[in-house]
């Protein structure tokens, strides 16, 4: 799969994840915001404060950390 080169917050609680392979994926997290796991991301300021350590997507100062493979599962409907 490769590692995450960059991650950008988009409108509508979506993320653009760019991989070192040149591929990218858009993940819509809006359906997940009412779940315990993703609830903190419903605060737009928290959602927009996103970064990566190349294997994990991290919000804020570690408020929430999710491995990229989990986010890809969300994108393809597996989670």
PDB file of N, CA and C in Angstrom:
ATOM      1  N   UNK A   1       0.814  -1.191   0.000  1.00  0.00           N
ATOM      2  CA  UNK A   1       0.000   0.000   0.000  1.00  0.00           C
ATOM      3  C   UNK A   1       0.863   1.263   0.000  1.00  0.00           C
ATOM      4  N   UNK A   2       1.967   1.305   0.674  1.00  0.00           N
ATOM      5  CA  UNK A   2       2.772   2.507   0.761  1.00  0.00           C
ATOM      6  C   UNK A   2       2.478   3.261   2.038  1.00  0.00           C
ATOM      7  N   UNK A   3       3.034   4.443   2.127  1.00  0.00           N
ATOM      8  CA  UNK A   3       2.790   5.252   3.313  1.00  0.00           C
ATOM      9  C   UNK A   3       2.117   6.565   2.911  1.00  0.00           C
ATOM     10  N   UNK A   4       1.555   7.254   3.901  1.00  0.00           N
ATOM     11  CA  UNK A   4       0.842   8.496   3.655  1.00  0.00           C
ATOM     12  C   UNK A   4       1.849   9.631   3.505  1.00  0.00           C
ATOM     13  N   UNK A   5       1.764  10.305   2.391  1.00  0.00           N
ATOM     14  CA  UNK A   5       2.633  11.451   2.132  1.00  0.00           C
ATOM     15  C   UNK A   5       2.015  12.723   2.705  1.00  0.00           C
ATOM     16  N   UNK A   6       0.680  12.863   2.553  1.00  0.00           N
ATOM     17  CA  UNK A   6       0.010  14.047   3.077  1.00  0.00           C
ATOM     18  C   UNK A   6      -1.470  13.764   3.274  1.00  0.00           C
ATOM     19  N   UNK A   7      -2.084  14.584   4.102  1.00  0.00           N
ATOM     20  CA  UNK A   7      -3.521  14.471   4.363  1.00  0.00           C
ATOM     21  C   UNK A   7      -4.078  15.886   4.457  1.00  0.00           C
ATOM     22  N   UNK A   8      -5.229  16.105   3.786  1.00  0.00           N
ATOM     23  CA  UNK A   8      -5.848  17.421   3.741  1.00  0.00           C
ATOM     24  C   UNK A   8      -7.322  17.313   4.115  1.00  0.00           C
ATOM     25  N   UNK A   9      -7.797  18.196   4.998  1.00  0.00           N
ATOM     26  CA  UNK A   9      -9.232  18.224   5.289  1.00  0.00           C
ATOM     27  C   UNK A   9      -9.973  18.896   4.130  1.00  0.00           C
ATOM     28  N   UNK A  10     -11.121  18.342   3.787  1.00  0.00           N
ATOM     29  CA  UNK A  10     -11.968  18.897   2.738  1.00  0.00           C
ATOM     30  C   UNK A  10     -13.332  19.261   3.315  1.00  0.00           C
ATOM     31  N   UNK A  11     -14.127  19.982   2.550  1.00  0.00           N
ATOM     32  CA  UNK A  11     -15.499  20.316   2.953  1.00  0.00           C
ATOM     33  C   UNK A  11     -16.288  19.042   3.229  1.00  0.00           C
ATOM     34  N   UNK A  12     -17.253  19.150   4.129  1.00  0.00           N
ATOM     35  CA  UNK A  12     -18.150  18.028   4.381  1.00  0.00           C
ATOM     36  C   UNK A  12     -17.538  16.881   5.156  1.00  0.00           C
ATOM     37  N   UNK A  13     -16.546  17.179   5.972  1.00  0.00           N
ATOM     38  CA  UNK A  13     -15.886  16.154   6.801  1.00  0.00           C
ATOM     39  C   UNK A  13     -15.296  15.025   5.948  1.00  0.00           C
ATOM     40  N   UNK A  14     -14.626  15.432   4.886  1.00  0.00           N
ATOM     41  CA  UNK A  14     -13.913  14.476   4.039  1.00  0.00           C
ATOM     42  C   UNK A  14     -12.418  14.737   4.149  1.00  0.00           C
ATOM     43  N   UNK A  15     -11.637  13.705   3.932  1.00  0.00           N
ATOM     44  CA  UNK A  15     -10.177  13.808   3.935  1.00  0.00           C
ATOM     45  C   UNK A  15      -9.645  13.391   2.577  1.00  0.00           C
ATOM     46  N   UNK A  16      -8.646  14.095   2.103  1.00  0.00           N
ATOM     47  CA  UNK A  16      -7.895  13.676   0.930  1.00  0.00           C
ATOM     48  C   UNK A  16      -6.576  13.126   1.448  1.00  0.00           C
ATOM     49  N   UNK A  17      -6.354  11.846   1.213  1.00  0.00           N
ATOM     50  CA  UNK A  17      -5.129  11.179   1.664  1.00  0.00           C
ATOM     51  C   UNK A  17      -4.296  10.853   0.431  1.00  0.00           C
ATOM     52  N   UNK A  18      -3.075  11.380   0.396  1.00  0.00           N
ATOM     53  CA  UNK A  18      -2.157  11.122  -0.709  1.00  0.00           C
ATOM     54  C   UNK A  18      -1.074  10.161  -0.242  1.00  0.00           C
ATOM     55  N   UNK A  19      -0.870   9.108  -1.002  1.00  0.00           N
ATOM     56  CA  UNK A  19       0.135   8.091  -0.676  1.00  0.00           C
ATOM     57  C   UNK A  19       1.421   8.338  -1.446  1.00  0.00           C
ATOM     58  N   UNK A  20       2.502   7.795  -0.955  1.00  0.00           N
ATOM     59  CA  UNK A  20       3.790   7.953  -1.630  1.00  0.00           C
ATOM     60  C   UNK A  20       3.821   7.265  -2.988  1.00  0.00           C
ATOM     61  N   UNK A  21       2.884   6.386  -3.254  1.00  0.00           N
ATOM     62  CA  UNK A  21       2.820   5.677  -4.536  1.00  0.00           C
ATOM     63  C   UNK A  21       2.244   6.548  -5.649  1.00  0.00           C
ATOM     64  N   UNK A  22       1.739   7.743  -5.283  1.00  0.00           N
ATOM     65  CA  UNK A  22       1.097   8.615  -6.253  1.00  0.00           C
ATOM     66  C   UNK A  22      -0.419   8.470  -6.253  1.00  0.00           C
ATOM     67  N   UNK A  23      -0.920   7.464  -5.576  1.00  0.00           N
ATOM     68  CA  UNK A  23      -2.367   7.276  -5.457  1.00  0.00           C
ATOM     69  C   UNK A  23      -2.918   8.203  -4.389  1.00  0.00           C
ATOM     70  N   UNK A  24      -4.204   8.486  -4.505  1.00  0.00           N
ATOM     71  CA  UNK A  24      -4.880   9.256  -3.464  1.00  0.00           C
ATOM     72  C   UNK A  24      -6.269   8.678  -3.255  1.00  0.00           C
ATOM     73  N   UNK A  25      -6.826   8.952  -2.092  1.00  0.00           N
ATOM     74  CA  UNK A  25      -8.149   8.461  -1.754  1.00  0.00           C
ATOM     75  C   UNK A  25      -8.862   9.553  -0.962  1.00  0.00           C
ATOM     76  N   UNK A  26     -10.150   9.696  -1.224  1.00  0.00           N
ATOM     77  CA  UNK A  26     -10.969  10.626  -0.458  1.00  0.00           C
ATOM     78  C   UNK A  26     -11.843   9.805   0.469  1.00  0.00           C
ATOM     79  N   UNK A  27     -11.818  10.153   1.742  1.00  0.00           N
ATOM     80  CA  UNK A  27     -12.570   9.430   2.766  1.00  0.00           C
ATOM     81  C   UNK A  27     -13.635  10.360   3.335  1.00  0.00           C
ATOM     82  N   UNK A  28     -14.890   9.952   3.238  1.00  0.00           N
ATOM     83  CA  UNK A  28     -16.003  10.720   3.790  1.00  0.00           C
ATOM     84  C   UNK A  28     -16.275  10.217   5.198  1.00  0.00           C
ATOM     85  N   UNK A  29     -15.958  11.048   6.189  1.00  0.00           N
ATOM     86  CA  UNK A  29     -16.157  10.654   7.576  1.00  0.00           C
ATOM     87  C   UNK A  29     -17.482  11.153   8.151  1.00  0.00           C
ATOM     88  N   UNK A  30     -18.255  11.888   7.378  1.00  0.00           N
ATOM     89  CA  UNK A  30     -19.503  12.455   7.909  1.00  0.00           C
ATOM     90  C   UNK A  30     -20.467  11.397   8.449  1.00  0.00           C
ATOM     91  N   UNK A  31     -20.611  10.218   7.832  1.00  0.00           N
ATOM     92  CA  UNK A  31     -21.519   9.220   8.408  1.00  0.00           C
ATOM     93  C   UNK A  31     -21.021   8.635   9.740  1.00  0.00           C
ATOM     94  N   UNK A  32     -19.751   8.816  10.042  1.00  0.00           N
ATOM     95  CA  UNK A  32     -19.150   8.231  11.249  1.00  0.00           C
ATOM     96  C   UNK A  32     -19.155   9.170  12.452  1.00  0.00           C
ATOM     97  N   UNK A  33     -19.521  10.433  12.258  1.00  0.00           N
ATOM     98  CA  UNK A  33     -19.378  11.433  13.316  1.00  0.00           C
ATOM     99  C   UNK A  33     -20.261  11.197  14.529  1.00  0.00           C
ATOM    100  N   UNK A  34     -21.287  10.386  14.400  1.00  0.00           N
ATOM    101  CA  UNK A  34     -22.161  10.093  15.544  1.00  0.00           C
ATOM    102  C   UNK A  34     -21.738   8.832  16.288  1.00  0.00           C
ATOM    103  N   UNK A  35     -20.626   8.243  15.886  1.00  0.00           N
ATOM    104  CA  UNK A  35     -20.118   7.069  16.585  1.00  0.00           C
ATOM    105  C   UNK A  35     -19.133   7.515  17.663  1.00  0.00           C
ATOM    106  N   UNK A  36     -18.969   6.711  18.681  1.00  0.00           N
ATOM    107  CA  UNK A  36     -18.059   7.046  19.774  1.00  0.00           C
ATOM    108  C   UNK A  36     -16.634   7.253  19.262  1.00  0.00           C
ATOM    109  N   UNK A  37     -16.231   6.457  18.316  1.00  0.00           N
ATOM    110  CA  UNK A  37     -14.851   6.518  17.809  1.00  0.00           C
ATOM    111  C   UNK A  37     -14.528   7.843  17.126  1.00  0.00           C
ATOM    112  N   UNK A  38     -15.496   8.388  16.375  1.00  0.00           N
ATOM    113  CA  UNK A  38     -15.237   9.559  15.552  1.00  0.00           C
ATOM    114  C   UNK A  38     -15.927  10.834  16.040  1.00  0.00           C
ATOM    115  N   UNK A  39     -16.657  10.784  17.149  1.00  0.00           N
ATOM    116  CA  UNK A  39     -17.479  11.913  17.610  1.00  0.00           C
ATOM    117  C   UNK A  39     -16.692  13.208  17.786  1.00  0.00           C
ATOM    118  N   UNK A  40     -15.476  13.143  18.266  1.00  0.00           N
ATOM    119  CA  UNK A  40     -14.690  14.358  18.503  1.00  0.00           C
ATOM    120  C   UNK A  40     -14.399  15.122  17.219  1.00  0.00           C
ATOM    121  N   UNK A  41     -14.485  14.445  16.079  1.00  0.00           N
ATOM    122  CA  UNK A  41     -14.204  15.096  14.806  1.00  0.00           C
ATOM    123  C   UNK A  41     -15.357  15.963  14.324  1.00  0.00           C
ATOM    124  N   UNK A  42     -16.503  15.912  15.004  1.00  0.00           N
ATOM    125  CA  UNK A  42     -17.623  16.753  14.591  1.00  0.00           C
ATOM    126  C   UNK A  42     -17.338  18.234  14.862  1.00  0.00           C
ATOM    127  N   UNK A  43     -16.349  18.531  15.697  1.00  0.00           N
ATOM    128  CA  UNK A  43     -15.879  19.898  15.886  1.00  0.00           C
ATOM    129  C   UNK A  43     -14.986  20.227  14.685  1.00  0.00           C
ATOM    130  N   UNK A  44     -15.436  21.166  13.859  1.00  0.00           N
ATOM    131  CA  UNK A  44     -14.734  21.482  12.607  1.00  0.00           C
ATOM    132  C   UNK A  44     -13.279  21.883  12.850  1.00  0.00           C
ATOM    133  N   UNK A  45     -13.008  22.598  13.923  1.00  0.00           N
ATOM    134  CA  UNK A  45     -11.634  23.010  14.221  1.00  0.00           C
ATOM    135  C   UNK A  45     -10.744  21.802  14.491  1.00  0.00           C
ATOM    136  N   UNK A  46     -11.264  20.822  15.215  1.00  0.00           N
ATOM    137  CA  UNK A  46     -10.508  19.588  15.470  1.00  0.00           C
ATOM    138  C   UNK A  46     -10.306  18.833  14.161  1.00  0.00           C
ATOM    139  N   UNK A  47     -11.371  18.694  13.376  1.00  0.00           N
ATOM    140  CA  UNK A  47     -11.275  17.966  12.117  1.00  0.00           C
ATOM    141  C   UNK A  47     -10.216  18.575  11.191  1.00  0.00           C
ATOM    142  N   UNK A  48     -10.186  19.893  11.120  1.00  0.00           N
ATOM    143  CA  UNK A  48      -9.249  20.569  10.220  1.00  0.00           C
ATOM    144  C   UNK A  48      -7.809  20.522  10.700  1.00  0.00           C
ATOM    145  N   UNK A  49      -7.581  20.211  11.968  1.00  0.00           N
ATOM    146  CA  UNK A  49      -6.239  20.140  12.529  1.00  0.00           C
ATOM    147  C   UNK A  49      -5.711  18.711  12.376  1.00  0.00           C
ATOM    148  N   UNK A  50      -5.487  18.313  11.147  1.00  0.00           N
ATOM    149  CA  UNK A  50      -5.112  16.933  10.822  1.00  0.00           C
ATOM    150  C   UNK A  50      -3.699  16.881  10.257  1.00  0.00           C
ATOM    151  N   UNK A  51      -3.005  15.805  10.572  1.00  0.00           N
ATOM    152  CA  UNK A  51      -1.652  15.585  10.060  1.00  0.00           C
ATOM    153  C   UNK A  51      -1.420  14.078   9.981  1.00  0.00           C
ATOM    154  N   UNK A  52      -0.237  13.705   9.548  1.00  0.00           N
ATOM    155  CA  UNK A  52       0.103  12.289   9.451  1.00  0.00           C
ATOM    156  C   UNK A  52       1.534  12.055   9.912  1.00  0.00           C
ATOM    157  N   UNK A  53       1.778  10.836  10.380  1.00  0.00           N
ATOM    158  CA  UNK A  53       3.149  10.413  10.692  1.00  0.00           C
ATOM    159  C   UNK A  53       3.596   9.356   9.696  1.00  0.00           C
ATOM    160  N   UNK A  54       2.912   9.277   8.577  1.00  0.00           N
ATOM    161  CA  UNK A  54       3.134   8.391   7.432  1.00  0.00           C
ATOM    162  C   UNK A  54       2.393   7.055   7.536  1.00  0.00           C
ATOM    163  N   UNK A  55       1.996   6.638   8.726  1.00  0.00           N
ATOM    164  CA  UNK A  55       1.222   5.403   8.883  1.00  0.00           C
ATOM    165  C   UNK A  55      -0.126   5.654   9.537  1.00  0.00           C
ATOM    166  N   UNK A  56      -0.234   6.783  10.227  1.00  0.00           N
ATOM    167  CA  UNK A  56      -1.416   7.107  11.016  1.00  0.00           C
ATOM    168  C   UNK A  56      -1.873   8.512  10.670  1.00  0.00           C
ATOM    169  N   UNK A  57      -3.189   8.734  10.683  1.00  0.00           N
ATOM    170  CA  UNK A  57      -3.738  10.075  10.553  1.00  0.00           C
ATOM    171  C   UNK A  57      -4.062  10.541  11.969  1.00  0.00           C
ATOM    172  N   UNK A  58      -3.611  11.739  12.300  1.00  0.00           N
ATOM    173  CA  UNK A  58      -3.668  12.248  13.666  1.00  0.00           C
ATOM    174  C   UNK A  58      -4.391  13.596  13.666  1.00  0.00           C
ATOM    175  N   UNK A  59      -5.322  13.731  14.608  1.00  0.00           N
ATOM    176  CA  UNK A  59      -6.022  15.007  14.773  1.00  0.00           C
ATOM    177  C   UNK A  59      -5.564  15.668  16.049  1.00  0.00           C
ATOM    178  N   UNK A  60      -5.391  17.001  15.978  1.00  0.00           N
ATOM    179  CA  UNK A  60      -4.981  17.770  17.144  1.00  0.00           C
ATOM    180  C   UNK A  60      -3.648  17.273  17.677  1.00  0.00           C
ATOM    181  N   UNK A  61      -3.522  17.323  18.954  1.00  0.00           N
ATOM    182  CA  UNK A  61      -2.304  16.832  19.611  1.00  0.00           C
ATOM    183  C   UNK A  61      -2.492  15.382  20.021  1.00  0.00           C
ATOM    184  N   UNK A  62      -3.023  14.593  19.116  1.00  0.00           N
ATOM    185  CA  UNK A  62      -3.244  13.184  19.408  1.00  0.00           C
ATOM    186  C   UNK A  62      -4.620  12.905  19.968  1.00  0.00           C
ATOM    187  N   UNK A  63      -5.561  13.865  19.799  1.00  0.00           N
ATOM    188  CA  UNK A  63      -6.946  13.664  20.251  1.00  0.00           C
ATOM    189  C   UNK A  63      -7.483  12.350  19.693  1.00  0.00           C
ATOM    190  N   UNK A  64      -7.162  12.099  18.432  1.00  0.00           N
ATOM    191  CA  UNK A  64      -7.596  10.876  17.776  1.00  0.00           C
ATOM    192  C   UNK A  64      -6.511  10.463  16.792  1.00  0.00           C
ATOM    193  N   UNK A  65      -6.173   9.182  16.810  1.00  0.00           N
ATOM    194  CA  UNK A  65      -5.191   8.617  15.878  1.00  0.00           C
ATOM    195  C   UNK A  65      -5.827   7.404  15.222  1.00  0.00           C
ATOM    196  N   UNK A  66      -5.806   7.380  13.898  1.00  0.00           N
ATOM    197  CA  UNK A  66      -6.404   6.263  13.175  1.00  0.00           C
ATOM    198  C   UNK A  66      -5.417   5.791  12.111  1.00  0.00           C
ATOM    199  N   UNK A  67      -5.112   4.503  12.106  1.00  0.00           N
ATOM    200  CA  UNK A  67      -4.235   3.965  11.058  1.00  0.00           C
ATOM    201  C   UNK A  67      -4.871   4.164   9.681  1.00  0.00           C
ATOM    202  N   UNK A  68      -4.042   4.462   8.707  1.00  0.00           N
ATOM    203  CA  UNK A  68      -4.558   4.748   7.375  1.00  0.00           C
ATOM    204  C   UNK A  68      -5.346   3.569   6.798  1.00  0.00           C
ATOM    205  N   UNK A  69      -4.967   2.329   7.132  1.00  0.00           N
ATOM    206  CA  UNK A  69      -5.705   1.187   6.585  1.00  0.00           C
ATOM    207  C   UNK A  69      -7.149   1.195   7.073  1.00  0.00           C
ATOM    208  N   UNK A  70      -7.392   1.702   8.286  1.00  0.00           N
ATOM    209  CA  UNK A  70      -8.757   1.805   8.809  1.00  0.00           C
ATOM    210  C   UNK A  70      -9.559   2.837   8.033  1.00  0.00           C
ATOM    211  N   UNK A  71      -8.923   3.951   7.687  1.00  0.00           N
ATOM    212  CA  UNK A  71      -9.608   4.986   6.918  1.00  0.00           C
ATOM    213  C   UNK A  71      -9.916   4.508   5.504  1.00  0.00           C
ATOM    214  N   UNK A  72      -9.024   3.722   4.952  1.00  0.00           N
ATOM    215  CA  UNK A  72      -9.293   3.156   3.619  1.00  0.00           C
ATOM    216  C   UNK A  72     -10.479   2.190   3.715  1.00  0.00           C
ATOM    217  N   UNK A  73     -10.581   1.427   4.791  1.00  0.00           N
ATOM    218  CA  UNK A  73     -11.760   0.564   5.003  1.00  0.00           C
ATOM    219  C   UNK A  73     -13.042   1.389   5.034  1.00  0.00           C
ATOM    220  N   UNK A  74     -12.998   2.547   5.691  1.00  0.00           N
ATOM    221  CA  UNK A  74     -14.163   3.431   5.723  1.00  0.00           C
ATOM    222  C   UNK A  74     -14.513   3.876   4.304  1.00  0.00           C
ATOM    223  N   UNK A  75     -13.499   4.243   3.538  1.00  0.00           N
ATOM    224  CA  UNK A  75     -13.723   4.737   2.172  1.00  0.00           C
ATOM    225  C   UNK A  75     -14.366   3.689   1.268  1.00  0.00           C
ATOM    226  N   UNK A  76     -14.007   2.445   1.461  1.00  0.00           N
ATOM    227  CA  UNK A  76     -14.560   1.377   0.608  1.00  0.00           C
ATOM    228  C   UNK A  76     -15.771   0.702   1.217  1.00  0.00           C
ATOM    229  N   UNK A  77     -16.204   1.211   2.390  1.00  0.00           N
ATOM    230  CA  UNK A  77     -17.422   0.700   3.009  1.00  0.00           C
ATOM    231  C   UNK A  77     -17.249  -0.530   3.863  1.00  0.00           C
ATOM    232  N   UNK A  78     -16.024  -0.830   4.274  1.00  0.00           N
ATOM    233  CA  UNK A  78     -15.784  -2.037   5.052  1.00  0.00           C
ATOM    234  C   UNK A  78     -15.837  -1.865   6.549  1.00  0.00           C
ATOM    235  N   UNK A  79     -16.011  -0.630   7.021  1.00  0.00           N
ATOM    236  CA  UNK A  79     -15.967  -0.415   8.473  1.00  0.00           C
ATOM    237  C   UNK A  79     -17.290   0.086   8.982  1.00  0.00           C
TER     238      UNK A  79
END
